């Protein structure tokens, strides 16, 4: 049976990690109302004219000192995760935890262990960090350096080494699933996952499709650019900017032999994006399979031009009546140029009165 101190500490942790701060709570928007329905603590909080916990920041400062200034990141430092990553997930508003940087992966990434201030919730495998609370050695993750917020201070070398040794050992002790400590650790893992997944996703290279739709969010914005760059071309009405690119017809003088629609060669728009701009080259593909069976179209072939290893390959089935159905799956071998396309939920009539539209998106080096 958990003692009263641990239960109260767990309730405090739950509020610190998942209850919105006053500036958000007082807005009472849809997310806050949804949170109040799920959170018994905030239901009481909403009834108070002058809440005793008027700011979650005050609660945090009970455990943690005010931040100092620091520009150089190094192992042994304690930081908050940046406020910019805080936000809603379901009915919880995740607030940034503090972390101890225990290693530097490269110039962009740090390895961090989450820390908590109330030692009443310490358990097996946790490492005491003096005034900073304790390190949750079972809760580590990578972070983008730019997602560290305020520098709080530094732990001693002995604390750092003990933490690293415990992390590397890994054979963490079992925790009773019916205990308050187990619930606390689930909360901490959820919190770490919420912030680390956002932070690392920011380091992943943006795909050409994502880059283009960020620059040109609608088919209309794409068509405006195309009309300026290729005034003799022919645009098509489409909400999807990628589909607008696929449907665009270059002027005849911009087409090369590979892009002609004669014989077995199917025209393909080859789009290059980069530096806030785009350009289209007419290319072509040799179709070797175009088959319909029970609502599914299978198209296979080979692109005529050399394929860069970082490109997106997209496809639609376009009917003569103007209905465009995106492919459920596309596969392109960048070494051979061979591709396969699968388009589903197509009627026999749509298949017999339509054709495949292909698009290659390549990201230029800036």
Protein backbone atom coordinates (compact mmCIF):
# COMPACT_ATOMS: atom_id res chain seq x y z
CA UNK A 1 0.00 0.00 0.00
CA UNK A 2 1.41 3.39 -0.98
CA UNK A 3 1.85 5.91 1.79
CA UNK A 4 0.10 9.28 1.80
CA UNK A 5 3.27 11.24 0.92
CA UNK A 6 3.85 9.30 -2.31
CA UNK A 7 0.23 9.66 -3.40
CA UNK A 8 0.32 13.42 -2.88
CA UNK A 9 3.65 13.63 -4.73
CA UNK A 10 2.15 11.69 -7.64
CA UNK A 11 -0.83 14.07 -7.81
CA UNK A 12 1.57 17.01 -7.86
CA UNK A 13 3.59 15.39 -10.66
CA UNK A 14 0.48 14.76 -12.71
CA UNK A 15 -0.51 18.43 -12.45
CA UNK A 16 2.99 19.72 -13.23
CA UNK A 17 3.34 17.52 -16.29
CA UNK A 18 -0.14 17.56 -17.85
CA UNK A 19 -2.21 20.52 -16.56
CA UNK A 20 -2.15 23.76 -18.61
CA UNK A 21 -0.52 26.83 -17.03
CA UNK A 22 -2.78 29.72 -16.03
CA UNK A 23 -2.34 31.72 -19.23
CA UNK A 24 -3.76 28.78 -21.20
CA UNK A 25 -6.18 27.49 -18.54
CA UNK A 26 -7.91 30.87 -18.23
CA UNK A 27 -8.73 30.97 -21.93
CA UNK A 28 -11.22 28.11 -21.37
CA UNK A 29 -11.09 27.06 -25.03
CA UNK A 30 -12.19 23.66 -26.33
CA UNK A 31 -8.96 21.95 -25.28
CA UNK A 32 -9.18 23.34 -21.75
CA UNK A 33 -12.84 22.33 -21.41
CA UNK A 34 -11.97 18.83 -22.57
CA UNK A 35 -9.10 18.72 -20.07
CA UNK A 36 -11.32 19.86 -17.19
CA UNK A 37 -13.74 17.04 -17.92
CA UNK A 38 -10.92 14.49 -17.63
CA UNK A 39 -8.82 16.05 -14.84
CA UNK A 40 -10.29 16.05 -11.30
CA UNK A 41 -7.63 18.51 -10.12
CA UNK A 42 -8.50 21.11 -12.74
CA UNK A 43 -12.22 20.64 -12.10
CA UNK A 44 -11.53 21.90 -8.59
CA UNK A 45 -9.15 24.50 -9.95
CA UNK A 46 -11.89 25.94 -12.19
CA UNK A 47 -14.17 26.46 -9.20
CA UNK A 48 -11.66 28.61 -7.31
CA UNK A 49 -11.99 32.37 -7.64
CA UNK A 50 -8.36 32.84 -6.53
CA UNK A 51 -6.66 29.47 -7.00
CA UNK A 52 -4.05 28.59 -4.42
CA UNK A 53 -1.86 27.25 -7.22
CA UNK A 54 -2.20 30.46 -9.22
CA UNK A 55 0.69 29.47 -11.45
CA UNK A 56 2.19 26.13 -12.30
CA UNK A 57 5.44 28.04 -12.63
CA UNK A 58 5.33 28.71 -8.87
CA UNK A 59 5.02 24.99 -8.23
CA UNK A 60 7.97 24.24 -10.45
CA UNK A 61 10.10 26.80 -8.65
CA UNK A 62 9.47 24.95 -5.40
CA UNK A 63 11.77 22.26 -6.76
CA UNK A 64 14.07 24.04 -9.20
CA UNK A 65 16.24 27.16 -8.94
CA UNK A 66 15.97 30.08 -11.31
CA UNK A 67 17.90 29.60 -14.57
CA UNK A 68 21.37 31.00 -15.09
CA UNK A 69 22.78 32.11 -18.42
CA UNK A 70 24.79 29.65 -20.49
CA UNK A 71 25.50 29.43 -24.21
CA UNK A 72 27.78 26.41 -24.51
CA UNK A 73 26.09 23.03 -24.06
CA UNK A 74 28.10 20.36 -22.25
CA UNK A 75 27.53 17.07 -20.41
CA UNK A 76 26.53 17.59 -16.79
CA UNK A 77 24.31 20.59 -17.48
CA UNK A 78 20.64 20.75 -16.49
CA UNK A 79 18.28 22.45 -18.93
CA UNK A 80 14.56 22.88 -19.42
CA UNK A 81 13.14 21.72 -22.72
CA UNK A 82 11.97 24.70 -24.77
CA UNK A 83 8.46 26.03 -24.14
CA UNK A 84 7.84 26.07 -27.89
CA UNK A 85 7.38 22.28 -27.80
CA UNK A 86 4.73 22.41 -25.04
CA UNK A 87 1.21 21.63 -26.14
CA UNK A 88 -1.89 19.47 -26.18
CA UNK A 89 -2.14 15.77 -26.85
CA UNK A 90 -5.62 14.48 -26.26
CA UNK A 91 -6.90 15.93 -23.00
CA UNK A 92 -3.42 16.57 -21.56
CA UNK A 93 -1.28 19.68 -21.89
CA UNK A 94 2.33 18.55 -21.66
CA UNK A 95 4.64 21.03 -19.93
CA UNK A 96 8.41 20.98 -20.56
CA UNK A 97 10.41 18.86 -18.10
CA UNK A 98 13.98 19.45 -17.07
CA UNK A 99 16.71 17.19 -18.42
CA UNK A 100 20.32 16.44 -17.64
CA UNK A 101 22.56 16.42 -20.71
CA UNK A 102 24.80 13.39 -20.28
CA UNK A 103 26.38 13.12 -23.75
CA UNK A 104 26.78 14.99 -27.05
CA UNK A 105 26.03 12.93 -30.16
CA UNK A 106 27.13 15.51 -32.72
CA UNK A 107 26.83 19.22 -33.43
CA UNK A 108 23.03 18.94 -33.61
CA UNK A 109 21.97 16.28 -31.08
CA UNK A 110 22.37 15.82 -27.33
CA UNK A 111 21.57 12.76 -25.24
CA UNK A 112 19.41 13.67 -22.25
CA UNK A 113 17.97 11.99 -19.17
CA UNK A 114 14.76 13.40 -17.74
CA UNK A 115 14.88 14.59 -14.12
CA UNK A 116 12.28 15.24 -11.45
CA UNK A 117 12.49 17.34 -8.30
CA UNK A 118 10.48 15.55 -5.62
CA UNK A 119 12.55 12.69 -4.20
CA UNK A 120 9.41 11.15 -2.69
CA UNK A 121 8.94 9.59 -6.12
CA UNK A 122 12.46 8.18 -6.38
CA UNK A 123 12.65 4.46 -6.95
CA UNK A 124 15.09 1.74 -8.00
CA UNK A 125 17.62 2.84 -10.64
CA UNK A 126 17.06 6.57 -10.05
CA UNK A 127 20.18 8.64 -9.28
CA UNK A 128 20.07 11.45 -6.72
CA UNK A 129 21.25 14.81 -8.12
CA UNK A 130 21.25 16.95 -5.00
CA UNK A 131 19.29 20.20 -5.43
CA UNK A 132 18.05 19.10 -8.88
CA UNK A 133 16.12 16.08 -7.61
CA UNK A 134 16.90 12.80 -9.33
CA UNK A 135 17.77 11.42 -12.77
CA UNK A 136 15.33 8.95 -14.30
CA UNK A 137 17.93 6.67 -15.86
CA UNK A 138 15.16 4.54 -17.40
CA UNK A 139 13.89 7.60 -19.30
CA UNK A 140 16.51 8.86 -21.77
CA UNK A 141 16.21 10.30 -25.26
CA UNK A 142 17.86 12.40 -27.95
CA UNK A 143 17.08 16.10 -28.38
CA UNK A 144 17.86 18.75 -30.94
CA UNK A 145 20.24 21.22 -29.26
CA UNK A 146 17.99 24.05 -30.42
CA UNK A 147 15.14 22.61 -28.35
CA UNK A 148 16.91 23.18 -25.05
CA UNK A 149 15.27 26.14 -23.31
CA UNK A 150 16.75 27.61 -20.12
CA UNK A 151 20.03 26.57 -18.56
CA UNK A 152 19.42 25.76 -14.88
CA UNK A 153 22.85 24.73 -13.61
CA UNK A 154 25.33 21.85 -13.55
CA UNK A 155 25.70 18.66 -11.54
CA UNK A 156 29.04 17.49 -10.19
CA UNK A 157 31.25 15.05 -12.06
CA UNK A 158 30.43 12.29 -9.57
CA UNK A 159 26.69 12.68 -10.17
CA UNK A 160 27.20 12.71 -13.92
CA UNK A 161 29.32 9.55 -13.91
CA UNK A 162 26.90 7.68 -11.65
CA UNK A 163 24.04 8.63 -13.96
CA UNK A 164 25.88 7.51 -17.10
CA UNK A 165 26.93 4.22 -15.52
CA UNK A 166 23.36 3.46 -14.50
CA UNK A 167 22.04 4.33 -17.97
CA UNK A 168 24.60 2.07 -19.64
CA UNK A 169 23.87 -0.82 -17.28
CA UNK A 170 20.23 -0.93 -18.47
CA UNK A 171 18.99 -3.92 -16.41
CA UNK A 172 16.32 -1.89 -14.66
CA UNK A 173 14.44 -3.40 -11.75
CA UNK A 174 10.78 -4.42 -12.07
CA UNK A 175 8.19 -2.03 -10.62
CA UNK A 176 4.85 -3.28 -9.29
CA UNK A 177 2.23 -2.34 -11.89
CA UNK A 178 -0.31 -1.62 -9.16
CA UNK A 179 1.89 0.94 -7.44
CA UNK A 180 1.80 4.75 -7.56
CA UNK A 181 5.47 4.68 -8.55
CA UNK A 182 4.59 2.66 -11.66
CA UNK A 183 1.93 5.23 -12.64
CA UNK A 184 4.45 8.03 -12.11
CA UNK A 185 6.96 6.35 -14.40
CA UNK A 186 4.36 5.88 -17.12
CA UNK A 187 3.61 9.59 -16.88
CA UNK A 188 7.28 10.48 -17.16
CA UNK A 189 7.79 8.21 -20.17
CA UNK A 190 4.75 9.75 -21.89
CA UNK A 191 6.12 13.22 -21.21
CA UNK A 192 9.56 12.38 -22.55
CA UNK A 193 8.10 10.78 -25.67
CA UNK A 194 5.91 13.82 -26.35
CA UNK A 195 8.89 16.20 -26.38
CA UNK A 196 11.61 13.99 -27.86
CA UNK A 197 9.51 12.89 -30.84
CA UNK A 198 8.87 16.53 -31.78
CA UNK A 199 12.47 17.52 -31.25
CA UNK A 200 14.01 14.78 -33.36
CA UNK A 201 11.44 15.10 -36.14
CA UNK A 202 12.77 18.62 -36.66
CA UNK A 203 16.17 17.17 -37.54
CA UNK A 204 14.88 14.83 -40.22
CA UNK A 205 15.40 16.07 -43.76
CA UNK A 206 12.24 17.47 -45.29
CA UNK A 207 10.92 15.47 -48.24
CA UNK A 208 10.49 17.29 -51.55
CA UNK A 209 6.70 16.90 -51.23
CA UNK A 210 6.68 18.44 -47.76
CA UNK A 211 8.98 21.24 -48.82
CA UNK A 212 6.82 22.08 -51.83
CA UNK A 213 3.47 22.03 -50.00
CA UNK A 214 4.96 24.25 -47.30
CA UNK A 215 6.02 26.80 -49.92
CA UNK A 216 2.90 26.46 -52.08
CA UNK A 217 -0.02 25.30 -49.88
CA UNK A 218 -2.65 25.16 -52.65
CA UNK A 219 -3.01 24.34 -56.31
CA UNK A 220 -3.88 27.97 -56.95
CA UNK A 221 -0.55 29.22 -55.57
CA UNK A 222 1.35 26.67 -57.66
CA UNK A 223 -0.55 27.63 -60.82
CA UNK A 224 0.25 31.30 -60.30
CA UNK A 225 3.96 30.47 -60.31
CA UNK A 226 3.62 28.18 -63.32
CA UNK A 227 1.73 30.79 -65.33
CA UNK A 228 4.52 33.30 -64.72
CA UNK A 229 7.36 30.88 -65.50
CA UNK A 230 5.67 29.09 -68.41
CA UNK A 231 3.13 31.51 -69.93
CA UNK A 232 2.50 29.20 -72.89
CA UNK A 233 1.82 26.20 -70.67
CA UNK A 234 -1.62 24.97 -69.61
CA UNK A 235 -2.62 24.78 -65.94
CA UNK A 236 -5.42 22.63 -64.50
CA UNK A 237 -7.75 23.39 -61.59
CA UNK A 238 -6.73 21.33 -58.53
CA UNK A 239 -6.77 22.02 -54.80
CA UNK A 240 -3.74 19.78 -54.22
CA UNK A 241 -0.54 21.63 -55.27
CA UNK A 242 1.16 18.32 -56.12
CA UNK A 243 -1.70 17.28 -58.40
CA UNK A 244 -1.63 20.72 -60.04
CA UNK A 245 2.04 20.12 -60.89
CA UNK A 246 1.31 16.65 -62.24
CA UNK A 247 -1.48 17.95 -64.48
CA UNK A 248 0.41 20.96 -65.81
CA UNK A 249 1.10 20.78 -69.55
CA UNK A 250 4.39 22.32 -70.58
CA UNK A 251 4.57 24.27 -73.83
CA UNK A 252 5.68 22.10 -76.72
CA UNK A 253 9.10 23.72 -77.01
CA UNK A 254 9.88 22.75 -73.40
CA UNK A 255 9.25 19.06 -74.02
CA UNK A 256 12.05 16.69 -74.92
CA UNK A 257 11.71 13.49 -76.91
CA UNK A 258 11.32 11.43 -73.74
CA UNK A 259 8.25 13.43 -72.78
CA UNK A 260 6.27 12.88 -75.96
CA UNK A 261 3.05 10.91 -75.64
CA UNK A 262 3.63 8.90 -78.80
CA UNK A 263 4.15 5.18 -78.90
CA UNK A 264 4.80 3.48 -75.57
CA UNK A 265 6.20 6.60 -73.90
CA UNK A 266 4.02 8.26 -71.26
CA UNK A 267 4.70 11.93 -70.32
CA UNK A 268 5.96 12.67 -66.81
CA UNK A 269 6.41 16.05 -65.16
CA UNK A 270 9.76 16.23 -63.38
CA UNK A 271 9.71 19.00 -60.76
CA UNK A 272 12.73 20.40 -58.96
CA UNK A 273 12.23 22.42 -55.76
CA UNK A 274 14.66 24.48 -53.75
CA UNK A 275 15.48 28.03 -52.64
CA UNK A 276 11.78 28.86 -52.50
CA UNK A 277 11.28 28.18 -56.21
CA UNK A 278 10.36 25.34 -58.55
CA UNK A 279 10.98 24.33 -62.15
CA UNK A 280 9.48 21.64 -64.40
CA UNK A 281 11.16 19.49 -67.00
CA UNK A 282 9.26 17.26 -69.39
CA UNK A 283 10.30 13.63 -69.02
CA UNK A 284 8.83 10.28 -69.88
CA UNK A 285 8.14 6.73 -68.76
CA UNK A 286 7.79 3.46 -70.63
CA UNK A 287 4.64 1.69 -69.41
CA UNK A 288 4.94 -2.11 -69.46
CA UNK A 289 1.85 -3.01 -67.38
CA UNK A 290 -1.53 -1.33 -67.05
CA UNK A 291 -3.99 -3.79 -65.53
CA UNK A 292 -7.41 -3.60 -63.85
CA UNK A 293 -8.83 -6.20 -61.49
CA UNK A 294 -11.68 -5.95 -58.99
CA UNK A 295 -11.42 -2.20 -58.39
CA UNK A 296 -7.61 -2.03 -58.39
CA UNK A 297 -5.33 -0.65 -61.08
CA UNK A 298 -1.72 -1.84 -61.31
CA UNK A 299 0.71 0.18 -63.41
CA UNK A 300 4.38 -0.71 -63.88
CA UNK A 301 7.10 0.76 -66.03
CA UNK A 302 10.47 2.46 -66.23
CA UNK A 303 11.33 6.15 -66.03
CA UNK A 304 13.56 7.28 -68.87
CA UNK A 305 15.81 9.66 -66.97
CA UNK A 306 18.37 8.97 -64.25
CA UNK A 307 16.77 9.03 -60.80
CA UNK A 308 18.32 10.88 -57.84
CA UNK A 309 18.27 8.92 -54.59
CA UNK A 310 16.34 11.68 -52.81
CA UNK A 311 13.12 12.18 -54.72
CA UNK A 312 9.40 11.59 -54.32
CA UNK A 313 7.38 9.62 -56.86
CA UNK A 314 3.62 10.23 -56.96
CA UNK A 315 0.78 8.95 -59.12
CA UNK A 316 -2.96 9.44 -59.70
CA UNK A 317 -5.60 7.91 -61.95
CA UNK A 318 -7.21 10.74 -63.91
CA UNK A 319 -10.57 10.14 -65.58
CA UNK A 320 -11.70 12.05 -68.64
CA UNK A 321 -14.54 13.50 -66.53
CA UNK A 322 -11.98 15.16 -64.21
CA UNK A 323 -12.00 12.73 -61.27
CA UNK A 324 -8.45 12.18 -59.90
CA UNK A 325 -7.76 9.25 -57.59
CA UNK A 326 -4.41 9.26 -55.72
CA UNK A 327 -2.36 6.07 -55.70
CA UNK A 328 -2.50 4.03 -52.52
CA UNK A 329 1.08 2.94 -53.03
CA UNK A 330 4.01 3.81 -55.28
CA UNK A 331 7.41 2.20 -55.41
CA UNK A 332 10.41 3.50 -57.36
CA UNK A 333 13.81 1.87 -57.70
CA UNK A 334 16.23 4.80 -57.92
CA UNK A 335 18.96 2.57 -59.40
CA UNK A 336 16.96 1.17 -62.34
CA UNK A 337 14.10 3.67 -62.69
CA UNK A 338 11.58 0.81 -62.50
CA UNK A 339 8.32 1.66 -60.72
CA UNK A 340 5.06 0.12 -59.56
CA UNK A 341 1.82 1.95 -58.83
CA UNK A 342 -1.31 0.66 -57.10
CA UNK A 343 -4.56 2.64 -57.26
CA UNK A 344 -7.66 1.31 -55.50
CA UNK A 345 -11.42 1.98 -55.40
CA UNK A 346 -11.64 2.53 -59.16
CA UNK A 347 -14.69 1.47 -61.17
CA UNK A 348 -14.37 -0.38 -64.48
CA UNK A 349 -15.82 2.68 -66.23
CA UNK A 350 -13.26 4.98 -64.60
CA UNK A 351 -10.47 2.65 -65.65
CA UNK A 352 -11.64 2.48 -69.27
CA UNK A 353 -12.04 6.27 -69.45
CA UNK A 354 -8.88 7.49 -67.79
CA UNK A 355 -5.11 7.26 -67.62
CA UNK A 356 -2.29 7.39 -65.10
CA UNK A 357 -0.66 10.69 -64.14
CA UNK A 358 2.94 10.51 -62.88
CA UNK A 359 5.03 13.08 -61.04
CA UNK A 360 8.66 13.10 -59.90
CA UNK A 361 9.72 15.62 -57.23
CA UNK A 362 13.40 16.29 -56.75
CA UNK A 363 14.91 18.58 -54.13
CA UNK A 364 17.70 20.75 -55.51
CA UNK A 365 20.75 21.57 -53.44
CA UNK A 366 20.47 25.15 -52.20
